[in-house]
Amino acid sequence: MMEEVVKYLYEIPRFARTGGLCQTQERLRLLGNPEKSFHYIHVAGTNGKGSVCAYMEAALRRMGFKTGLFTSPHLIRINERIRIGNEEISDEAFIRAFHRVKELIDRQMTEGIPHPTFFEFIYLMAMCAFEEAGIAYGVIETGLGGRLDLTNAVEKPDLTVITSISLDHTAILGDTVEKIASEKAGIIKPHVPLVYLARTNSVSHVIEDQARSQESPVFPVRTEWIQDVCVREGRLSFAYQCPYFEKYDIILNTGGIYQAENASLALTGLEVMFGDRFRDSILAGIESMQWAGRMEPVAQNVYVDGAHNDDGIQKLVESVNMAFSGKDIYLVFAVAEDKDYQEMARHLSQIKGLKGVIVTEINNGRRRDFHEVMEDFKKNWHGIIQGTYNVSEAIVTGQEWKGQDGILICTGSLYLVGHVKEILGGI
């Protein structure tokens, strides 16, 4: 039965015609407004939104609340997109949610209403599953954008969070960071508190203008408030000092220095919601969180990271240079066809200790030919570069190259991360 359900979902066109937010809101109403049965935390941004969601969910769980987490994409199993109490939704609960939504869709299609997209179908399922499970707090990650994203069908969330903004999906969201910020800021709701990453003035102006128009309390997280960043033995430590509350000293289960910003956003959001009532639990939850696909160890000295745009790759390079200083570094890299792989290759070429690059291809219709990507690496770096269609072959070669003491990093696409995890099975 589960195989049939998954097959049905995968056969839905990725970008099918949709009735937009109004259609999603009507479907939620016909389902009994399951999204109103719990406290809804809404997170948008270009990079880091999945991590912020995961940090917040872990902290809420440590605080004693029953939680739901909706993120995308999944790495291996579709169930990963809907988590209840930090567990992937069971096949049985997944099937129940599927049939509840499909019964509605079948009725609507007889009335000439178009079938929802894959993403809308899964989102509706998540809301139904969360209601059935009786969660107290749901942490919801947007899909592509914000303003028109179907997760934005919620009427009044408890909190909105906007993570880092950079150029990605420019054909859909706009060709400047200001335009993209405007789309992401579309999740801001009247009088609902907003926490956002204030990295650049131009983006901050766009977001704060939108917040003022909605009379929403605003809590920027400024990068200069994150201090004393250090990576030791795969764990990131830093101090977070802001005007809103007392200083935090934090140690995370990751070597990715970009997670300092994401953890700070999550921490600030929860402080805004709860004040100092759960301070110890918030910190303990954030420090305990482990998020798949972000500087994640999957074998001895083999790491996967889902960085898939220029900004994410730059942060990865900073992390690798800090965490593995003095080590020989090898890369397995694959990228989707709609990404700016030239800039990604240029930044990856700046990894200190880089000794070899293997370019491969993600196993879906959005793959970029590895020959093209190899040429851009060759323009920026003059070490050993190989290419292969086969991800398994790329991993085997990378492990041979790194030997006992080198480091292998697999990056460029979350689809690649999922494939590598399937091959190696984790540690």
Protein backbone atom coordinates (compact mmCIF):
# COMPACT_ATOMS: atom_id res chain seq x y z
CA MET A 1 0.00 0.00 0.00
CA MET A 2 2.77 2.47 0.89
CA GLU A 3 4.48 1.78 -2.44
CA GLU A 4 1.26 2.63 -4.28
CA VAL A 5 0.84 5.86 -2.34
CA VAL A 6 4.42 6.98 -2.98
CA LYS A 7 4.11 6.08 -6.67
CA TYR A 8 0.95 8.20 -6.93
CA LEU A 9 2.67 11.19 -5.28
CA TYR A 10 5.80 10.95 -7.42
CA GLU A 11 3.70 10.92 -10.57
CA ILE A 12 2.21 14.32 -9.74
CA PRO A 13 3.96 16.92 -11.94
CA ARG A 14 6.48 18.91 -9.89
CA PHE A 15 5.16 22.26 -11.08
CA ALA A 16 1.58 21.43 -12.04
CA ARG A 17 -1.04 24.14 -12.54
CA THR A 18 -2.29 25.38 -9.19
CA GLY A 19 -5.05 27.56 -7.87
CA GLY A 20 -2.57 29.33 -5.60
CA LEU A 21 -3.00 30.32 -1.99
CA CYS A 22 -6.75 30.83 -2.22
CA GLN A 23 -7.17 27.27 -3.47
CA THR A 24 -4.96 25.90 -0.68
CA GLN A 25 -6.86 27.90 1.93
CA GLU A 26 -10.15 26.50 0.60
CA ARG A 27 -8.78 22.96 0.73
CA LEU A 28 -7.63 23.49 4.30
CA ARG A 29 -11.11 24.78 5.17
CA LEU A 30 -12.74 21.70 3.62
CA LEU A 31 -10.34 19.51 5.61
CA GLY A 32 -11.49 21.22 8.79
CA ASN A 33 -8.60 23.70 9.08
CA PRO A 34 -6.11 21.25 10.62
CA GLU A 35 -3.42 23.98 10.57
CA LYS A 36 -5.37 25.82 13.29
CA SER A 37 -5.16 22.89 15.71
CA PHE A 38 -1.59 23.76 16.77
CA HIS A 39 0.81 26.70 17.16
CA TYR A 40 2.30 27.40 13.72
CA ILE A 41 5.90 28.64 13.36
CA HIS A 42 6.67 29.67 9.78
CA VAL A 43 10.25 29.79 8.41
CA ALA A 44 11.39 31.16 5.03
CA GLY A 45 14.76 32.06 3.51
CA THR A 46 17.27 31.01 0.87
CA ASN A 47 19.69 28.98 2.99
CA GLY A 48 19.39 27.57 6.48
CA LYS A 49 15.63 27.39 6.87
CA GLY A 50 15.59 23.62 7.31
CA SER A 51 18.28 23.87 9.99
CA VAL A 52 16.46 26.69 11.80
CA CYS A 53 13.29 24.60 11.78
CA ALA A 54 15.18 21.62 13.17
CA TYR A 55 16.81 23.68 15.94
CA MET A 56 13.46 25.11 16.96
CA GLU A 57 11.76 21.71 16.92
CA ALA A 58 14.51 20.16 19.06
CA ALA A 59 14.23 22.95 21.61
CA LEU A 60 10.43 22.82 21.73
CA ARG A 61 10.62 19.08 22.28
CA ARG A 62 13.14 19.56 25.10
CA MET A 63 10.73 22.11 26.60
CA GLY A 64 8.16 19.32 26.87
CA PHE A 65 5.90 20.08 23.90
CA LYS A 66 4.70 17.58 21.33
CA THR A 67 6.07 18.79 18.01
CA GLY A 68 5.60 18.50 14.28
CA LEU A 69 8.22 19.38 11.66
CA PHE A 70 7.53 19.91 7.95
CA THR A 71 10.59 20.31 5.70
CA SER A 72 11.72 19.58 2.16
CA PRO A 73 13.20 17.99 0.22
CA HIS A 74 13.71 14.56 1.70
CA LEU A 75 17.08 12.85 1.37
CA ILE A 76 16.09 9.19 1.18
CA ARG A 77 12.47 8.49 2.26
CA ILE A 78 9.47 10.69 1.59
CA ASN A 79 8.39 10.22 5.23
CA GLU A 80 11.29 12.51 6.24
CA ARG A 81 9.22 15.53 5.17
CA ILE A 82 6.71 15.01 8.00
CA ARG A 83 8.14 14.40 11.46
CA ILE A 84 6.26 14.05 14.74
CA GLY A 85 8.26 14.21 17.96
CA ASN A 86 11.48 13.96 15.92
CA GLU A 87 10.38 10.69 14.32
CA GLU A 88 9.57 10.30 10.66
CA ILE A 89 5.86 9.80 10.22
CA SER A 90 4.98 6.11 10.18
CA ASP A 91 3.83 4.49 6.95
CA GLU A 92 0.41 3.89 8.52
CA ALA A 93 -0.05 7.56 9.52
CA PHE A 94 1.31 8.68 6.15
CA ILE A 95 -1.26 6.53 4.35
CA ARG A 96 -4.12 7.81 6.53
CA ALA A 97 -3.16 11.43 5.79
CA PHE A 98 -2.84 10.61 2.09
CA HIS A 99 -6.35 9.16 1.87
CA ARG A 100 -7.86 12.04 3.81
CA VAL A 101 -6.43 14.50 1.29
CA LYS A 102 -7.05 12.32 -1.76
CA GLU A 103 -10.76 11.92 -0.94
CA LEU A 104 -11.08 15.71 -1.05
CA ILE A 105 -9.06 16.02 -4.25
CA ASP A 106 -11.10 13.32 -5.99
CA ARG A 107 -14.33 15.19 -5.17
CA GLN A 108 -12.88 18.47 -6.38
CA MET A 109 -11.64 17.02 -9.63
CA THR A 110 -15.18 15.88 -10.50
CA GLU A 111 -16.09 19.59 -10.18
CA GLY A 112 -13.32 20.61 -12.57
CA ILE A 113 -10.91 21.87 -9.87
CA PRO A 114 -7.31 21.03 -10.85
CA HIS A 115 -5.19 18.51 -8.99
CA PRO A 116 -2.75 20.06 -6.49
CA THR A 117 0.99 20.03 -7.04
CA PHE A 118 3.18 17.45 -5.33
CA PHE A 119 4.26 20.03 -2.74
CA GLU A 120 0.70 21.15 -1.93
CA PHE A 121 -0.47 17.55 -1.59
CA ILE A 122 2.33 16.74 0.89
CA TYR A 123 1.73 20.00 2.80
CA LEU A 124 -1.98 19.21 3.20
CA MET A 125 -1.04 15.73 4.36
CA ALA A 126 1.34 17.17 6.95
CA MET A 127 -1.33 19.45 8.37
CA CYS A 128 -3.74 16.51 8.66
CA ALA A 129 -1.07 14.30 10.23
CA PHE A 130 -0.16 16.98 12.76
CA GLU A 131 -3.80 17.40 13.74
CA GLU A 132 -4.28 13.65 14.11
CA ALA A 133 -1.14 13.38 16.28
CA GLY A 134 -2.31 16.21 18.54
CA ILE A 135 0.89 18.23 18.34
CA ALA A 136 1.23 21.48 20.28
CA TYR A 137 3.74 23.22 17.98
CA GLY A 138 4.35 22.77 14.27
CA VAL A 139 7.50 24.18 12.66
CA ILE A 140 6.86 24.71 8.96
CA GLU A 141 9.48 25.35 6.28
CA THR A 142 8.39 27.14 3.12
CA GLY A 143 9.09 25.65 -0.27
CA LEU A 144 10.51 27.98 -2.91
CA GLY A 145 9.46 31.42 -1.82
CA GLY A 146 7.25 32.98 0.79
CA ARG A 147 4.55 35.34 -0.46
CA LEU A 148 3.00 32.82 -2.85
CA ASP A 149 4.29 29.69 -1.15
CA LEU A 150 1.46 27.32 -0.31
CA THR A 151 2.61 27.04 3.31
CA ASN A 152 1.65 30.73 3.53
CA ALA A 153 -2.01 29.75 3.48
CA VAL A 154 -1.93 29.95 7.27
CA GLU A 155 -3.97 32.87 8.57
CA LYS A 156 -2.03 33.76 11.71
CA PRO A 157 1.16 31.94 12.72
CA ASP A 158 2.65 32.44 16.17
CA LEU A 159 6.05 33.48 14.78
CA THR A 160 7.71 34.09 11.42
CA VAL A 161 11.43 33.63 10.79
CA ILE A 162 13.46 34.66 7.73
CA THR A 163 16.92 33.15 7.35
CA SER A 164 19.74 34.28 5.06
CA ILE A 165 18.76 35.69 1.65
CA SER A 166 20.86 35.16 -1.47
CA LEU A 167 20.44 34.61 -5.20
CA ASP A 168 18.69 31.32 -5.95
CA HIS A 169 15.72 30.36 -8.14
CA THR A 170 16.07 33.77 -9.78
CA ALA A 171 13.76 32.85 -12.69
CA ILE A 172 10.91 32.46 -10.20
CA LEU A 173 11.72 34.77 -7.28
CA GLY A 174 13.58 37.66 -8.95
CA ASP A 175 17.08 38.51 -10.14
CA THR A 176 18.24 40.61 -7.16
CA VAL A 177 18.52 39.84 -3.47
CA GLU A 178 16.10 42.69 -2.78
CA LYS A 179 13.42 41.12 -5.00
CA ILE A 180 13.98 37.73 -3.41
CA ALA A 181 13.81 39.30 0.06
CA SER A 182 10.49 40.86 -0.86
CA GLU A 183 9.11 37.44 -1.82
CA LYS A 184 10.39 35.83 1.39
CA ALA A 185 8.99 38.72 3.46
CA GLY A 186 5.55 37.78 2.18
CA ILE A 187 5.21 35.37 5.13
CA ILE A 188 5.09 38.33 7.55
CA LYS A 189 1.60 38.63 9.05
CA PRO A 190 -0.10 41.50 10.88
CA HIS A 191 1.08 41.81 14.50
CA VAL A 192 2.97 38.48 14.36
CA PRO A 193 6.56 38.72 15.68
CA LEU A 194 9.33 38.41 13.08
CA VAL A 195 12.90 37.22 13.65
CA TYR A 196 15.26 37.59 10.69
CA LEU A 197 18.96 37.47 9.81
CA ALA A 198 20.21 41.03 9.28
CA ARG A 199 23.30 40.41 7.19
CA THR A 200 23.02 43.24 4.61
CA ASN A 201 21.37 46.66 4.77
CA SER A 202 19.55 46.31 1.45
CA VAL A 203 17.81 43.11 2.52
CA SER A 204 17.09 44.49 6.00
CA HIS A 205 15.34 47.54 4.54
CA VAL A 206 13.04 45.37 2.43
CA ILE A 207 12.14 43.06 5.30
CA GLU A 208 11.66 45.79 7.90
CA ASP A 209 9.53 47.89 5.55
CA GLN A 210 7.22 44.91 5.10
CA ALA A 211 7.15 44.30 8.85
CA ARG A 212 6.24 47.94 9.53
CA SER A 213 3.39 47.76 7.03
CA GLN A 214 2.03 44.77 8.96
CA GLU A 215 2.71 46.35 12.37
CA SER A 216 4.78 43.30 13.25
CA PRO A 217 7.34 43.36 16.09
CA VAL A 218 10.81 42.88 14.55
CA PHE A 219 13.83 41.15 16.10
CA PRO A 220 16.85 41.22 13.78
CA VAL A 221 19.75 38.86 14.44
CA ARG A 222 22.96 40.65 13.48
CA THR A 223 26.03 38.70 12.48
CA GLU A 224 28.30 40.83 14.68
CA TRP A 225 26.44 39.48 17.73
CA ILE A 226 27.91 36.03 16.97
CA GLN A 227 31.43 35.95 18.40
CA ASP A 228 34.33 33.63 19.28
CA VAL A 229 33.44 31.07 16.60
CA CYS A 230 35.59 27.96 16.85
CA VAL A 231 35.48 24.34 15.64
CA ARG A 232 37.12 21.59 17.69
CA GLU A 233 36.72 17.86 17.07
CA GLY A 234 33.74 18.41 14.80
CA ARG A 235 31.82 20.62 17.25
CA LEU A 236 31.12 24.31 16.74
CA SER A 237 31.30 26.68 19.70
CA PHE A 238 30.40 30.36 19.75
CA ALA A 239 29.04 33.14 21.94
CA TYR A 240 25.77 34.90 21.09
CA GLN A 241 25.32 38.32 22.68
CA CYS A 242 22.34 40.44 21.67
CA PRO A 243 20.29 43.26 23.23
CA TYR A 244 17.22 41.09 23.82
CA PHE A 245 18.49 38.75 26.54
CA GLU A 246 21.59 37.56 28.35
CA LYS A 247 24.64 36.14 26.60
CA TYR A 248 24.59 32.53 25.47
CA ASP A 249 27.64 30.28 25.13
CA ILE A 250 26.69 27.53 22.70
CA ILE A 251 28.27 24.28 21.51
CA LEU A 252 26.63 22.58 18.51
CA ASN A 253 26.83 19.04 17.15
CA THR A 254 28.30 20.21 13.85
CA GLY A 255 31.44 21.54 12.26
CA GLY A 256 29.48 23.85 9.94
CA ILE A 257 30.17 27.41 11.04
CA TYR A 258 27.09 28.64 9.14
CA GLN A 259 24.99 26.90 11.79
CA ALA A 260 25.93 29.61 14.29
CA GLU A 261 23.58 31.98 12.44
CA ASN A 262 20.83 29.38 12.18
CA ALA A 263 21.03 28.38 15.84
CA SER A 264 21.00 32.07 16.85
CA LEU A 265 17.86 32.66 14.78
CA ALA A 266 16.14 29.67 16.40
CA LEU A 267 17.21 30.71 19.88
CA THR A 268 16.03 34.28 19.35
CA GLY A 269 12.68 33.12 18.00
CA LEU A 270 12.02 30.93 21.01
CA GLU A 271 13.10 33.68 23.42
CA VAL A 272 10.66 36.02 21.69
CA MET A 273 7.86 33.47 22.11
CA PHE A 274 8.59 32.29 25.65
CA GLY A 275 10.87 34.81 27.34
CA ASP A 276 13.23 33.31 29.90
CA ARG A 277 10.81 30.62 31.16
CA PHE A 278 12.53 27.79 29.27
CA ARG A 279 16.03 29.19 28.82
CA ASP A 280 17.91 26.07 29.94
CA SER A 281 15.68 23.77 27.89
CA ILE A 282 16.00 25.96 24.79
CA LEU A 283 19.78 25.85 24.99
CA ALA A 284 19.88 22.11 25.71
CA GLY A 285 17.55 21.38 22.79
CA ILE A 286 19.54 23.46 20.34
CA GLU A 287 22.83 21.95 21.47
CA SER A 288 21.45 18.41 21.09
CA MET A 289 20.14 18.84 17.54
CA GLN A 290 21.68 16.87 14.67
CA TRP A 291 20.44 17.77 11.19
CA ALA A 292 21.03 15.39 8.30
CA GLY A 293 22.94 16.61 5.28
CA ARG A 294 24.69 19.59 6.87
CA MET A 295 28.37 18.81 7.48
CA GLU A 296 27.12 15.37 8.44
CA PRO A 297 29.63 12.52 8.91
CA VAL A 298 28.49 9.43 6.98
CA ALA A 299 31.67 7.34 7.08
CA GLN A 300 35.17 7.68 8.50
CA ASN A 301 36.37 11.16 7.42
CA VAL A 302 33.55 11.39 4.85
CA TYR A 303 31.07 14.28 5.16
CA VAL A 304 27.99 15.34 3.20
CA ASP A 305 26.72 18.90 2.97
CA GLY A 306 23.68 20.02 1.02
CA ALA A 307 25.02 23.45 0.03
CA HIS A 308 23.53 24.03 -3.43
CA ASN A 309 24.00 27.70 -4.26
CA ASP A 310 26.81 30.25 -4.17
CA ASP A 311 26.09 31.57 -0.68
CA GLY A 312 25.81 28.09 0.80
CA ILE A 313 29.04 26.97 -0.88
CA GLN A 314 30.92 30.00 0.45
CA LYS A 315 29.81 29.13 3.98
CA LEU A 316 30.83 25.51 3.43
CA VAL A 317 34.31 26.57 2.28
CA GLU A 318 34.72 28.69 5.45
CA SER A 319 33.66 25.69 7.55
CA VAL A 320 36.00 23.25 5.82
CA ASN A 321 38.95 25.64 6.10
CA MET A 322 38.34 26.10 9.82
CA ALA A 323 37.37 22.54 10.78
CA PHE A 324 40.01 20.68 8.72
CA SER A 325 42.97 23.04 8.73
CA GLY A 326 46.12 21.18 7.70
CA LYS A 327 44.23 18.20 6.26
CA ASP A 328 44.17 17.01 2.65
CA ILE A 329 40.70 17.68 1.24
CA TYR A 330 38.94 15.83 -1.59
CA LEU A 331 35.58 16.71 -3.14
CA VAL A 332 32.74 14.83 -4.77
CA PHE A 333 30.56 17.43 -6.45
CA ALA A 334 27.27 17.33 -8.38
CA VAL A 335 24.87 20.14 -9.14
CA ALA A 336 21.38 20.72 -10.58
CA GLU A 337 21.12 22.31 -14.00
CA ASP A 338 19.48 25.53 -12.72
CA LYS A 339 22.31 26.40 -10.31
CA ASP A 340 25.20 28.81 -10.84
CA TYR A 341 27.80 26.06 -10.87
CA GLN A 342 30.52 28.38 -12.22
CA GLU A 343 30.56 30.44 -9.01
CA MET A 344 30.22 27.32 -6.88
CA ALA A 345 33.27 25.79 -8.58
CA ARG A 346 35.22 29.03 -8.15
CA HIS A 347 34.59 29.13 -4.39
CA LEU A 348 35.23 25.42 -3.85
CA SER A 349 38.59 25.88 -5.56
CA GLN A 350 39.54 28.13 -2.63
CA ILE A 351 39.48 25.30 -0.11
CA LYS A 352 42.86 25.17 1.60
CA GLY A 353 44.46 21.74 1.22
CA LEU A 354 42.27 20.79 -1.75
CA LYS A 355 43.96 17.83 -3.46
CA GLY A 356 41.38 16.31 -5.79
CA VAL A 357 37.90 16.84 -7.26
CA ILE A 358 35.50 14.23 -8.65
CA VAL A 359 32.55 15.66 -10.54
CA THR A 360 29.48 13.46 -10.92
CA GLU A 361 25.76 13.89 -11.66
CA ILE A 362 22.63 13.76 -9.52
CA ASN A 363 20.28 10.99 -10.50
CA ASN A 364 17.24 12.91 -11.72
CA GLY A 365 16.04 15.01 -14.64
CA ARG A 366 17.62 18.21 -13.29
CA ARG A 367 21.24 17.04 -13.51
CA ARG A 368 24.02 19.13 -14.98
CA ASP A 369 26.42 17.34 -17.34
CA PHE A 370 29.61 16.64 -15.42
CA HIS A 371 31.83 17.52 -18.41
CA GLU A 372 30.64 21.16 -18.28
CA VAL A 373 31.25 21.39 -14.55
CA MET A 374 34.73 19.88 -14.88
CA GLU A 375 35.71 22.63 -17.31
CA ASP A 376 34.82 25.32 -14.77
CA PHE A 377 36.84 23.63 -12.07
CA LYS A 378 39.79 23.53 -14.47
CA LYS A 379 39.50 27.30 -15.00
CA ASN A 380 39.88 27.90 -11.26
CA TRP A 381 42.05 25.07 -10.01
CA HIS A 382 44.88 23.03 -11.52
CA GLY A 383 44.91 19.89 -9.41
CA ILE A 384 43.53 16.42 -10.18
CA ILE A 385 39.98 16.50 -11.57
CA GLN A 386 38.00 13.44 -12.67
CA GLY A 387 34.40 12.94 -13.78
CA THR A 388 31.88 10.12 -13.83
CA TYR A 389 28.17 9.64 -14.39
CA ASN A 390 28.10 7.14 -11.53
CA VAL A 391 27.85 8.48 -7.97
CA SER A 392 28.89 5.14 -6.47
CA GLU A 393 32.06 5.19 -8.58
CA ALA A 394 32.73 8.78 -7.49
CA ILE A 395 32.45 7.79 -3.82
CA VAL A 396 34.74 4.78 -4.22
CA THR A 397 37.34 6.93 -5.99
CA GLY A 398 37.07 9.67 -3.38
CA GLN A 399 37.59 7.22 -0.53
CA GLU A 400 40.63 5.74 -2.28
CA TRP A 401 42.11 9.20 -2.80
CA LYS A 402 41.64 10.36 0.79
CA GLY A 403 43.19 7.24 2.33
CA GLN A 404 43.27 7.06 6.13
CA ASP A 405 44.00 10.67 6.95
CA GLY A 406 42.35 12.80 4.25
CA ILE A 407 38.85 14.31 4.30
CA LEU A 408 36.18 13.66 1.66
CA ILE A 409 33.40 16.26 1.27
CA CYS A 410 30.34 15.48 -0.91
CA THR A 411 28.38 18.60 -1.81
CA GLY A 412 26.54 20.67 -4.42
CA SER A 413 23.05 19.16 -4.14
CA LEU A 414 20.74 17.70 -1.51
CA TYR A 415 19.93 14.99 -4.06
CA LEU A 416 23.62 14.04 -4.08
CA VAL A 417 23.58 13.99 -0.26
CA GLY A 418 20.67 11.58 -0.27
CA HIS A 419 22.34 9.30 -2.79
CA VAL A 420 25.62 9.25 -0.85
CA LYS A 421 23.77 8.44 2.39
CA GLU A 422 22.00 5.58 0.67
CA ILE A 423 25.30 4.21 -0.60
CA LEU A 424 27.23 4.53 2.65
CA GLY A 425 24.40 4.10 5.13
CA GLY A 426 25.80 6.52 7.73
CA ILE A 427 28.22 5.79 10.56
